[in-house]
Amino acid sequence: MDRKARDAEWSALMRAAIAGNEPAYRTLLEDLARLLRGAVRRGFAGVGVARDDVEDVVQDTLLAIHLKRHTWDAAMPLGPWVLAIARNKMIDDLRRRGRRPEVPIDLTQFDIEGDDQQASIDAQDVARILNGLSDRNRDIVQSISIDGHSARDVADRLGMTEVAVRVALHRSLKALADTYQEKSR
């Protein structure tokens, strides 16, 4: 089965699961567990993470998928959403261990439909929504969520505590989500 067909099947299973179909959900989680074991193992290659720890990250990822399944946009492919959650769980695991390497997740294994024009429109929407934030909060969101800087780096640059930066980020992202939902209606 090619990637596009597999992702379409997973998306259909997730829609059925959200609608309450337990066998579909079980099938989906079994398929995703197989994918995640390989992806997490590859992501941790060369970092020295034990097999049990790989399984812990897989289980954390499956739990996050379960808890956040209502946030998945059914119009989008499921695979990239799942792998983004896995990447975040891998980073969380490495941070708990005191390591901060880059965790590569190959998103090319999924065909993400869309064209450059849609990406341009999406970028314009993001810029327009970001402009609704104060300069400081826009800088915090841009630096952490888009540019990938750490909260500590941003805090040092802005003369704030790391906790204050995280609180400002959380509040700003919530405000952005609320604004986006309003504009989507």
N, C-alpha and C. Protein backbone atom coordinates (compact mmCIF):
# COMPACT_ATOMS: atom_id res chain seq x y z
N MET A 1 0.87 -1.17 0.00
CA MET A 1 0.00 0.00 0.00
C MET A 1 0.91 1.23 0.00
N ASP A 2 0.63 2.19 -0.90
CA ASP A 2 1.47 3.38 -0.93
C ASP A 2 1.10 4.33 0.20
N ARG A 3 1.96 5.32 0.40
CA ARG A 3 1.79 6.23 1.54
C ARG A 3 0.47 6.98 1.50
N LYS A 4 0.13 7.45 0.32
CA LYS A 4 -1.10 8.24 0.19
C LYS A 4 -2.32 7.39 0.55
N ALA A 5 -2.36 6.17 0.05
CA ALA A 5 -3.48 5.28 0.35
C ALA A 5 -3.50 4.91 1.84
N ARG A 6 -2.30 4.67 2.39
CA ARG A 6 -2.22 4.33 3.81
C ARG A 6 -2.71 5.49 4.67
N ASP A 7 -2.29 6.71 4.32
CA ASP A 7 -2.72 7.87 5.09
C ASP A 7 -4.22 8.10 4.94
N ALA A 8 -4.75 7.86 3.75
CA ALA A 8 -6.20 7.99 3.54
C ALA A 8 -6.95 6.97 4.39
N GLU A 9 -6.41 5.75 4.46
CA GLU A 9 -7.04 4.71 5.29
C GLU A 9 -7.01 5.11 6.76
N TRP A 10 -5.85 5.60 7.23
CA TRP A 10 -5.75 6.02 8.62
C TRP A 10 -6.69 7.18 8.92
N SER A 11 -6.80 8.11 7.98
CA SER A 11 -7.71 9.25 8.18
C SER A 11 -9.15 8.75 8.30
N ALA A 12 -9.52 7.79 7.46
CA ALA A 12 -10.87 7.23 7.52
C ALA A 12 -11.09 6.50 8.85
N LEU A 13 -10.08 5.77 9.30
CA LEU A 13 -10.19 5.08 10.59
C LEU A 13 -10.33 6.07 11.74
N MET A 14 -9.59 7.18 11.68
CA MET A 14 -9.67 8.18 12.74
C MET A 14 -11.04 8.84 12.75
N ARG A 15 -11.57 9.15 11.57
CA ARG A 15 -12.92 9.73 11.52
C ARG A 15 -13.93 8.76 12.12
N ALA A 16 -13.80 7.47 11.79
CA ALA A 16 -14.71 6.46 12.34
C ALA A 16 -14.53 6.35 13.85
N ALA A 17 -13.29 6.41 14.31
CA ALA A 17 -13.02 6.32 15.75
C ALA A 17 -13.62 7.50 16.49
N ILE A 18 -13.48 8.68 15.93
CA ILE A 18 -14.05 9.88 16.56
C ILE A 18 -15.57 9.76 16.63
N ALA A 19 -16.15 9.08 15.64
CA ALA A 19 -17.60 8.87 15.62
C ALA A 19 -18.03 7.75 16.57
N GLY A 20 -17.05 7.07 17.22
CA GLY A 20 -17.40 6.06 18.21
C GLY A 20 -17.17 4.62 17.80
N ASN A 21 -16.56 4.37 16.66
CA ASN A 21 -16.31 3.02 16.18
C ASN A 21 -15.05 2.46 16.86
N GLU A 22 -15.24 1.65 17.91
CA GLU A 22 -14.11 1.12 18.68
C GLU A 22 -13.21 0.17 17.89
N PRO A 23 -13.76 -0.75 17.07
CA PRO A 23 -12.87 -1.61 16.29
C PRO A 23 -11.98 -0.82 15.32
N ALA A 24 -12.53 0.23 14.73
CA ALA A 24 -11.73 1.08 13.83
C ALA A 24 -10.61 1.75 14.62
N TYR A 25 -10.93 2.21 15.82
CA TYR A 25 -9.93 2.88 16.65
C TYR A 25 -8.83 1.91 17.05
N ARG A 26 -9.19 0.70 17.42
CA ARG A 26 -8.21 -0.32 17.79
C ARG A 26 -7.28 -0.61 16.61
N THR A 27 -7.86 -0.78 15.43
CA THR A 27 -7.06 -1.03 14.22
C THR A 27 -6.11 0.13 13.96
N LEU A 28 -6.62 1.35 14.07
CA LEU A 28 -5.79 2.54 13.84
C LEU A 28 -4.62 2.58 14.82
N LEU A 29 -4.90 2.38 16.10
CA LEU A 29 -3.83 2.45 17.10
C LEU A 29 -2.79 1.36 16.89
N GLU A 30 -3.22 0.17 16.48
CA GLU A 30 -2.26 -0.90 16.20
C GLU A 30 -1.36 -0.53 15.03
N ASP A 31 -1.96 0.02 13.96
CA ASP A 31 -1.18 0.46 12.80
C ASP A 31 -0.21 1.58 13.17
N LEU A 32 -0.72 2.55 13.92
CA LEU A 32 0.12 3.68 14.31
C LEU A 32 1.25 3.25 15.24
N ALA A 33 0.98 2.29 16.12
CA ALA A 33 2.02 1.80 17.03
C ALA A 33 3.18 1.22 16.23
N ARG A 34 2.87 0.46 15.16
CA ARG A 34 3.93 -0.10 14.32
C ARG A 34 4.74 1.01 13.65
N LEU A 35 4.04 2.00 13.09
CA LEU A 35 4.72 3.14 12.46
C LEU A 35 5.59 3.87 13.48
N LEU A 36 5.02 4.14 14.64
CA LEU A 36 5.71 4.95 15.65
C LEU A 36 6.95 4.24 16.20
N ARG A 37 6.87 2.92 16.37
CA ARG A 37 8.05 2.20 16.88
C ARG A 37 9.23 2.41 15.94
N GLY A 38 8.98 2.30 14.65
CA GLY A 38 10.06 2.52 13.68
C GLY A 38 10.53 3.96 13.64
N ALA A 39 9.59 4.89 13.64
CA ALA A 39 9.94 6.31 13.56
C ALA A 39 10.71 6.76 14.80
N VAL A 40 10.26 6.34 15.98
CA VAL A 40 10.94 6.74 17.22
C VAL A 40 12.31 6.07 17.30
N ARG A 41 12.39 4.81 16.92
CA ARG A 41 13.68 4.11 16.94
C ARG A 41 14.67 4.84 16.02
N ARG A 42 14.22 5.22 14.80
CA ARG A 42 15.09 5.96 13.88
C ARG A 42 15.43 7.34 14.43
N GLY A 43 14.46 7.99 15.05
CA GLY A 43 14.70 9.32 15.60
C GLY A 43 15.71 9.31 16.73
N PHE A 44 15.75 8.22 17.48
CA PHE A 44 16.68 8.11 18.60
C PHE A 44 17.99 7.42 18.20
N ALA A 45 18.14 7.07 16.93
CA ALA A 45 19.35 6.39 16.48
C ALA A 45 20.58 7.25 16.81
N GLY A 46 21.57 6.64 17.41
CA GLY A 46 22.80 7.34 17.73
C GLY A 46 22.75 8.16 19.01
N VAL A 47 21.60 8.19 19.67
CA VAL A 47 21.46 8.97 20.90
C VAL A 47 21.65 8.07 22.12
N GLY A 48 21.55 6.77 21.93
CA GLY A 48 21.75 5.85 23.04
C GLY A 48 20.54 5.67 23.92
N VAL A 49 19.36 5.66 23.32
CA VAL A 49 18.12 5.47 24.08
C VAL A 49 17.76 3.99 24.05
N ALA A 50 17.48 3.43 25.22
CA ALA A 50 17.18 2.00 25.35
C ALA A 50 15.84 1.66 24.69
N ARG A 51 15.71 0.38 24.30
CA ARG A 51 14.48 -0.09 23.65
C ARG A 51 13.24 0.15 24.51
N ASP A 52 13.36 -0.04 25.83
CA ASP A 52 12.22 0.22 26.72
C ASP A 52 11.82 1.68 26.69
N ASP A 53 12.81 2.56 26.58
CA ASP A 53 12.51 3.99 26.52
C ASP A 53 11.85 4.36 25.20
N VAL A 54 12.23 3.68 24.13
CA VAL A 54 11.56 3.88 22.84
C VAL A 54 10.08 3.53 22.99
N GLU A 55 9.81 2.39 23.62
CA GLU A 55 8.42 1.96 23.82
C GLU A 55 7.67 2.95 24.71
N ASP A 56 8.34 3.52 25.71
CA ASP A 56 7.69 4.53 26.55
C ASP A 56 7.26 5.74 25.73
N VAL A 57 8.13 6.18 24.82
CA VAL A 57 7.79 7.33 23.98
C VAL A 57 6.65 6.97 23.03
N VAL A 58 6.66 5.75 22.50
CA VAL A 58 5.56 5.31 21.63
C VAL A 58 4.25 5.34 22.41
N GLN A 59 4.26 4.82 23.63
CA GLN A 59 3.03 4.81 24.44
C GLN A 59 2.60 6.23 24.81
N ASP A 60 3.56 7.10 25.13
CA ASP A 60 3.23 8.51 25.41
C ASP A 60 2.58 9.15 24.18
N THR A 61 3.11 8.83 23.01
CA THR A 61 2.58 9.39 21.77
C THR A 61 1.16 8.89 21.53
N LEU A 62 0.95 7.59 21.71
CA LEU A 62 -0.40 7.04 21.51
C LEU A 62 -1.39 7.65 22.50
N LEU A 63 -0.95 7.87 23.73
CA LEU A 63 -1.82 8.51 24.72
C LEU A 63 -2.15 9.94 24.30
N ALA A 64 -1.14 10.67 23.82
CA ALA A 64 -1.38 12.05 23.37
C ALA A 64 -2.34 12.06 22.17
N ILE A 65 -2.19 11.11 21.27
CA ILE A 65 -3.10 11.02 20.13
C ILE A 65 -4.52 10.79 20.64
N HIS A 66 -4.65 9.90 21.61
CA HIS A 66 -5.98 9.61 22.17
C HIS A 66 -6.57 10.86 22.82
N LEU A 67 -5.78 11.56 23.61
CA LEU A 67 -6.29 12.72 24.34
C LEU A 67 -6.55 13.92 23.43
N LYS A 68 -5.81 14.02 22.32
CA LYS A 68 -5.93 15.18 21.44
C LYS A 68 -6.60 14.87 20.10
N ARG A 69 -7.21 13.69 19.99
CA ARG A 69 -7.78 13.30 18.69
C ARG A 69 -8.84 14.27 18.21
N HIS A 70 -9.51 14.94 19.13
CA HIS A 70 -10.54 15.90 18.73
C HIS A 70 -9.94 17.15 18.09
N THR A 71 -8.61 17.36 18.24
CA THR A 71 -7.98 18.54 17.65
C THR A 71 -7.50 18.29 16.22
N TRP A 72 -7.52 17.03 15.79
CA TRP A 72 -7.08 16.72 14.43
C TRP A 72 -8.07 17.29 13.43
N ASP A 73 -7.56 17.96 12.41
CA ASP A 73 -8.39 18.52 11.34
C ASP A 73 -8.64 17.40 10.32
N ALA A 74 -9.88 16.94 10.24
CA ALA A 74 -10.22 15.80 9.39
C ALA A 74 -9.98 16.08 7.91
N ALA A 75 -9.81 17.34 7.54
CA ALA A 75 -9.52 17.68 6.14
C ALA A 75 -8.04 17.47 5.81
N MET A 76 -7.23 17.27 6.83
CA MET A 76 -5.79 17.12 6.63
C MET A 76 -5.40 15.65 6.80
N PRO A 77 -4.28 15.24 6.19
CA PRO A 77 -3.83 13.86 6.37
C PRO A 77 -3.43 13.60 7.83
N LEU A 78 -3.66 12.40 8.29
CA LEU A 78 -3.39 12.05 9.69
C LEU A 78 -1.90 11.85 9.97
N GLY A 79 -1.17 11.28 9.03
CA GLY A 79 0.23 10.94 9.25
C GLY A 79 1.11 12.07 9.75
N PRO A 80 1.13 13.22 9.09
CA PRO A 80 1.99 14.31 9.57
C PRO A 80 1.60 14.78 10.97
N TRP A 81 0.31 14.77 11.29
CA TRP A 81 -0.16 15.16 12.62
C TRP A 81 0.39 14.19 13.67
N VAL A 82 0.33 12.90 13.37
CA VAL A 82 0.83 11.86 14.29
C VAL A 82 2.34 12.00 14.47
N LEU A 83 3.06 12.20 13.37
CA LEU A 83 4.52 12.30 13.48
C LEU A 83 4.95 13.58 14.20
N ALA A 84 4.18 14.64 14.08
CA ALA A 84 4.50 15.87 14.83
C ALA A 84 4.36 15.61 16.33
N ILE A 85 3.32 14.88 16.71
CA ILE A 85 3.15 14.53 18.13
C ILE A 85 4.31 13.65 18.59
N ALA A 86 4.69 12.68 17.76
CA ALA A 86 5.81 11.79 18.12
C ALA A 86 7.10 12.59 18.28
N ARG A 87 7.35 13.51 17.38
CA ARG A 87 8.57 14.34 17.46
C ARG A 87 8.58 15.12 18.78
N ASN A 88 7.45 15.71 19.13
CA ASN A 88 7.38 16.47 20.38
C ASN A 88 7.61 15.57 21.59
N LYS A 89 7.06 14.36 21.57
CA LYS A 89 7.25 13.43 22.68
C LYS A 89 8.71 12.99 22.78
N MET A 90 9.36 12.82 21.63
CA MET A 90 10.77 12.45 21.63
C MET A 90 11.62 13.58 22.23
N ILE A 91 11.32 14.80 21.85
CA ILE A 91 12.05 15.95 22.39
C ILE A 91 11.81 16.05 23.89
N ASP A 92 10.55 15.88 24.31
CA ASP A 92 10.25 15.91 25.75
C ASP A 92 11.07 14.86 26.50
N ASP A 93 11.15 13.66 25.94
CA ASP A 93 11.91 12.59 26.58
C ASP A 93 13.38 12.95 26.69
N LEU A 94 13.95 13.48 25.63
CA LEU A 94 15.36 13.86 25.67
C LEU A 94 15.61 15.01 26.64
N ARG A 95 14.67 15.93 26.73
CA ARG A 95 14.83 17.04 27.68
C ARG A 95 14.82 16.52 29.11
N ARG A 96 13.96 15.55 29.38
CA ARG A 96 13.93 14.97 30.73
C ARG A 96 15.28 14.33 31.07
N ARG A 97 15.95 13.84 30.05
CA ARG A 97 17.26 13.21 30.26
C ARG A 97 18.39 14.24 30.26
N GLY A 98 18.08 15.47 29.96
CA GLY A 98 19.11 16.51 29.93
C GLY A 98 19.82 16.63 28.61
N ARG A 99 19.27 16.04 27.56
CA ARG A 99 19.87 16.14 26.22
C ARG A 99 18.99 17.03 25.37
N ARG A 100 19.60 17.75 24.43
CA ARG A 100 18.83 18.65 23.59
C ARG A 100 19.21 18.52 22.11
N PRO A 101 19.30 17.31 21.59
CA PRO A 101 19.66 17.21 20.17
C PRO A 101 18.46 17.46 19.27
N GLU A 102 18.75 17.63 18.00
CA GLU A 102 17.69 17.71 17.00
C GLU A 102 17.14 16.30 16.82
N VAL A 103 15.83 16.18 16.73
CA VAL A 103 15.21 14.88 16.51
C VAL A 103 14.61 14.89 15.12
N PRO A 104 15.24 14.19 14.18
CA PRO A 104 14.72 14.21 12.81
C PRO A 104 13.54 13.26 12.65
N ILE A 105 12.48 13.76 12.07
CA ILE A 105 11.35 12.93 11.68
C ILE A 105 11.15 13.19 10.20
N ASP A 106 11.21 12.15 9.41
CA ASP A 106 11.10 12.29 7.98
C ASP A 106 9.64 12.38 7.58
N LEU A 107 9.15 13.60 7.37
CA LEU A 107 7.76 13.79 6.98
C LEU A 107 7.54 13.48 5.51
N THR A 108 8.62 13.20 4.77
CA THR A 108 8.46 12.90 3.36
C THR A 108 7.82 11.53 3.15
N GLN A 109 7.71 10.74 4.21
CA GLN A 109 7.06 9.45 4.04
C GLN A 109 5.55 9.60 3.87
N PHE A 110 5.06 10.83 4.00
CA PHE A 110 3.65 11.12 3.79
C PHE A 110 3.52 12.17 2.71
N ASP A 111 2.61 11.95 1.78
CA ASP A 111 2.33 12.96 0.77
C ASP A 111 1.37 13.96 1.37
N ILE A 112 1.81 15.20 1.47
CA ILE A 112 0.95 16.24 2.01
C ILE A 112 0.44 17.04 0.83
N GLU A 113 -0.86 16.97 0.64
CA GLU A 113 -1.45 17.66 -0.50
C GLU A 113 -1.54 19.14 -0.23
N GLY A 114 -1.57 19.90 -1.29
CA GLY A 114 -1.65 21.34 -1.19
C GLY A 114 -0.66 21.92 -2.18
N ASP A 115 -0.82 23.19 -2.45
CA ASP A 115 0.10 23.80 -3.38
C ASP A 115 0.72 25.04 -2.77
N ASP A 116 1.65 25.63 -3.51
CA ASP A 116 2.36 26.80 -3.00
C ASP A 116 1.42 27.97 -2.77
N GLN A 117 0.38 28.07 -3.58
CA GLN A 117 -0.56 29.18 -3.40
C GLN A 117 -1.26 29.05 -2.05
N GLN A 118 -1.69 27.84 -1.69
CA GLN A 118 -2.35 27.65 -0.40
C GLN A 118 -1.38 27.94 0.74
N ALA A 119 -0.12 27.52 0.59
CA ALA A 119 0.88 27.81 1.62
C ALA A 119 1.07 29.31 1.77
N SER A 120 1.05 30.03 0.66
CA SER A 120 1.19 31.48 0.70
C SER A 120 0.01 32.12 1.42
N ILE A 121 -1.20 31.62 1.12
CA ILE A 121 -2.40 32.14 1.79
C ILE A 121 -2.33 31.84 3.28
N ASP A 122 -1.91 30.62 3.64
CA ASP A 122 -1.78 30.26 5.05
C ASP A 122 -0.76 31.16 5.75
N ALA A 123 0.37 31.43 5.09
CA ALA A 123 1.39 32.30 5.68
C ALA A 123 0.84 33.71 5.89
N GLN A 124 0.04 34.18 4.94
CA GLN A 124 -0.57 35.51 5.10
C GLN A 124 -1.54 35.51 6.27
N ASP A 125 -2.32 34.44 6.41
CA ASP A 125 -3.25 34.34 7.54
C ASP A 125 -2.49 34.37 8.86
N VAL A 126 -1.40 33.61 8.94
CA VAL A 126 -0.61 33.57 10.17
C VAL A 126 -0.06 34.96 10.47
N ALA A 127 0.48 35.63 9.46
CA ALA A 127 1.04 36.97 9.67
C ALA A 127 -0.04 37.94 10.14
N ARG A 128 -1.21 37.86 9.54
CA ARG A 128 -2.31 38.76 9.91
C ARG A 128 -2.75 38.50 11.36
N ILE A 129 -2.85 37.24 11.73
CA ILE A 129 -3.28 36.91 13.09
C ILE A 129 -2.19 37.30 14.10
N LEU A 130 -0.92 37.07 13.75
CA LEU A 130 0.18 37.45 14.64
C LEU A 130 0.21 38.95 14.88
N ASN A 131 -0.20 39.73 13.89
CA ASN A 131 -0.20 41.19 14.04
C ASN A 131 -1.19 41.65 15.09
N GLY A 132 -2.10 40.78 15.51
CA GLY A 132 -3.04 41.12 16.57
C GLY A 132 -2.44 41.06 17.96
N LEU A 133 -1.21 40.56 18.07
CA LEU A 133 -0.53 40.47 19.37
C LEU A 133 0.32 41.71 19.62
N SER A 134 0.64 41.93 20.88
CA SER A 134 1.58 43.02 21.21
C SER A 134 2.94 42.67 20.61
N ASP A 135 3.80 43.67 20.46
CA ASP A 135 5.12 43.43 19.88
C ASP A 135 5.90 42.38 20.66
N ARG A 136 5.86 42.47 22.00
CA ARG A 136 6.60 41.52 22.83
C ARG A 136 6.06 40.10 22.65
N ASN A 137 4.73 39.95 22.71
CA ASN A 137 4.15 38.62 22.58
C ASN A 137 4.34 38.05 21.18
N ARG A 138 4.26 38.91 20.16
CA ARG A 138 4.50 38.46 18.79
C ARG A 138 5.95 37.96 18.68
N ASP A 139 6.89 38.69 19.29
CA ASP A 139 8.29 38.30 19.27
C ASP A 139 8.48 36.95 19.97
N ILE A 140 7.80 36.74 21.09
CA ILE A 140 7.91 35.48 21.83
C ILE A 140 7.37 34.32 20.99
N VAL A 141 6.19 34.49 20.41
CA VAL A 141 5.59 33.42 19.59
C VAL A 141 6.48 33.14 18.38
N GLN A 142 6.92 34.19 17.70
CA GLN A 142 7.78 34.03 16.52
C GLN A 142 9.07 33.30 16.89
N SER A 143 9.70 33.73 17.96
CA SER A 143 11.00 33.16 18.35
C SER A 143 10.90 31.70 18.76
N ILE A 144 9.89 31.35 19.55
CA ILE A 144 9.79 29.98 20.07
C ILE A 144 9.07 29.06 19.09
N SER A 145 7.87 29.45 18.67
CA SER A 145 7.04 28.53 17.88
C SER A 145 7.45 28.44 16.42
N ILE A 146 7.99 29.52 15.88
CA ILE A 146 8.31 29.52 14.45
C ILE A 146 9.81 29.33 14.22
N ASP A 147 10.63 30.12 14.95
CA ASP A 147 12.08 30.06 14.74
C ASP A 147 12.76 28.96 15.53
N GLY A 148 12.07 28.39 16.55
CA GLY A 148 12.60 27.25 17.28
C GLY A 148 13.57 27.58 18.40
N HIS A 149 13.61 28.83 18.85
CA HIS A 149 14.48 29.19 19.97
C HIS A 149 13.89 28.66 21.27
N SER A 150 14.74 28.47 22.26
CA SER A 150 14.26 27.99 23.55
C SER A 150 13.68 29.15 24.35
N ALA A 151 12.83 28.81 25.31
CA ALA A 151 12.24 29.83 26.18
C ALA A 151 13.34 30.54 26.97
N ARG A 152 14.37 29.81 27.35
CA ARG A 152 15.47 30.41 28.10
C ARG A 152 16.19 31.47 27.25
N ASP A 153 16.46 31.15 25.98
CA ASP A 153 17.13 32.11 25.09
C ASP A 153 16.29 33.37 24.93
N VAL A 154 14.99 33.18 24.71
CA VAL A 154 14.10 34.32 24.53
C VAL A 154 14.02 35.14 25.82
N ALA A 155 13.95 34.45 26.95
CA ALA A 155 13.90 35.16 28.23
C ALA A 155 15.15 36.00 28.44
N ASP A 156 16.31 35.44 28.15
CA ASP A 156 17.56 36.19 28.30
C ASP A 156 17.58 37.41 27.38
N ARG A 157 17.14 37.23 26.15
CA ARG A 157 17.14 38.33 25.18
C ARG A 157 16.18 39.43 25.58
N LEU A 158 15.02 39.07 26.13
CA LEU A 158 14.00 40.06 26.47
C LEU A 158 14.09 40.55 27.92
N GLY A 159 15.01 39.99 28.69
CA GLY A 159 15.14 40.40 30.09
C GLY A 159 13.97 39.95 30.95
N MET A 160 13.44 38.76 30.65
CA MET A 160 12.31 38.20 31.39
C MET A 160 12.76 36.89 32.02
N THR A 161 11.93 36.36 32.93
CA THR A 161 12.21 35.02 33.44
C THR A 161 11.69 34.01 32.42
N GLU A 162 12.24 32.82 32.49
CA GLU A 162 11.80 31.76 31.58
C GLU A 162 10.33 31.43 31.80
N VAL A 163 9.90 31.42 33.06
CA VAL A 163 8.50 31.14 33.39
C VAL A 163 7.59 32.21 32.78
N ALA A 164 8.00 33.48 32.88
CA ALA A 164 7.18 34.56 32.32
C ALA A 164 7.07 34.43 30.80
N VAL A 165 8.14 34.01 30.15
CA VAL A 165 8.10 33.80 28.70
C VAL A 165 7.14 32.67 28.36
N ARG A 166 7.20 31.57 29.12
CA ARG A 166 6.30 30.44 28.85
C ARG A 166 4.84 30.82 29.08
N VAL A 167 4.58 31.60 30.11
CA VAL A 167 3.21 32.05 30.38
C VAL A 167 2.74 32.95 29.24
N ALA A 168 3.59 33.88 28.82
CA ALA A 168 3.22 34.78 27.72
C ALA A 168 2.99 33.99 26.44
N LEU A 169 3.83 32.98 26.19
CA LEU A 169 3.66 32.14 25.00
C LEU A 169 2.32 31.42 25.06
N HIS A 170 2.03 30.80 26.19
CA HIS A 170 0.78 30.05 26.34
C HIS A 170 -0.43 30.96 26.11
N ARG A 171 -0.42 32.12 26.75
CA ARG A 171 -1.54 33.05 26.61
C ARG A 171 -1.66 33.57 25.18
N SER A 172 -0.53 33.83 24.56
CA SER A 172 -0.55 34.33 23.18
C SER A 172 -1.08 33.27 22.22
N LEU A 173 -0.64 32.02 22.41
CA LEU A 173 -1.12 30.95 21.53
C LEU A 173 -2.62 30.73 21.72
N LYS A 174 -3.09 30.84 22.95
CA LYS A 174 -4.53 30.71 23.20
C LYS A 174 -5.27 31.85 22.51
N ALA A 175 -4.75 33.06 22.62
CA ALA A 175 -5.39 34.21 21.96
C ALA A 175 -5.38 34.03 20.45
N LEU A 176 -4.28 33.50 19.91
CA LEU A 176 -4.21 33.26 18.46
C LEU A 176 -5.23 32.21 18.04
N ALA A 177 -5.35 31.15 18.83
CA ALA A 177 -6.32 30.09 18.51
C ALA A 177 -7.74 30.65 18.54
N ASP A 178 -8.04 31.46 19.55
CA ASP A 178 -9.37 32.06 19.64
C ASP A 178 -9.63 32.97 18.44
N THR A 179 -8.63 33.79 18.08
CA THR A 179 -8.77 34.69 16.94
C THR A 179 -8.97 33.90 15.65
N TYR A 180 -8.19 32.84 15.47
CA TYR A 180 -8.30 32.04 14.26
C TYR A 180 -9.68 31.38 14.17
N GLN A 181 -10.17 30.88 15.30
CA GLN A 181 -11.49 30.24 15.30
C GLN A 181 -12.57 31.25 14.94
N GLU A 182 -12.44 32.48 15.46
CA GLU A 182 -13.42 33.52 15.13
C GLU A 182 -13.40 33.82 13.64
N LYS A 183 -12.20 33.93 13.07
CA LYS A 183 -12.07 34.27 11.65
C LYS A 183 -12.49 33.12 10.76
N SER A 184 -12.46 31.90 11.28
CA SER A 184 -12.83 30.73 10.49
C SER A 184 -14.34 30.55 10.39
N ARG A 185 -15.07 31.23 11.24
CA ARG A 185 -16.53 31.06 11.26
C ARG A 185 -17.19 31.77 10.15
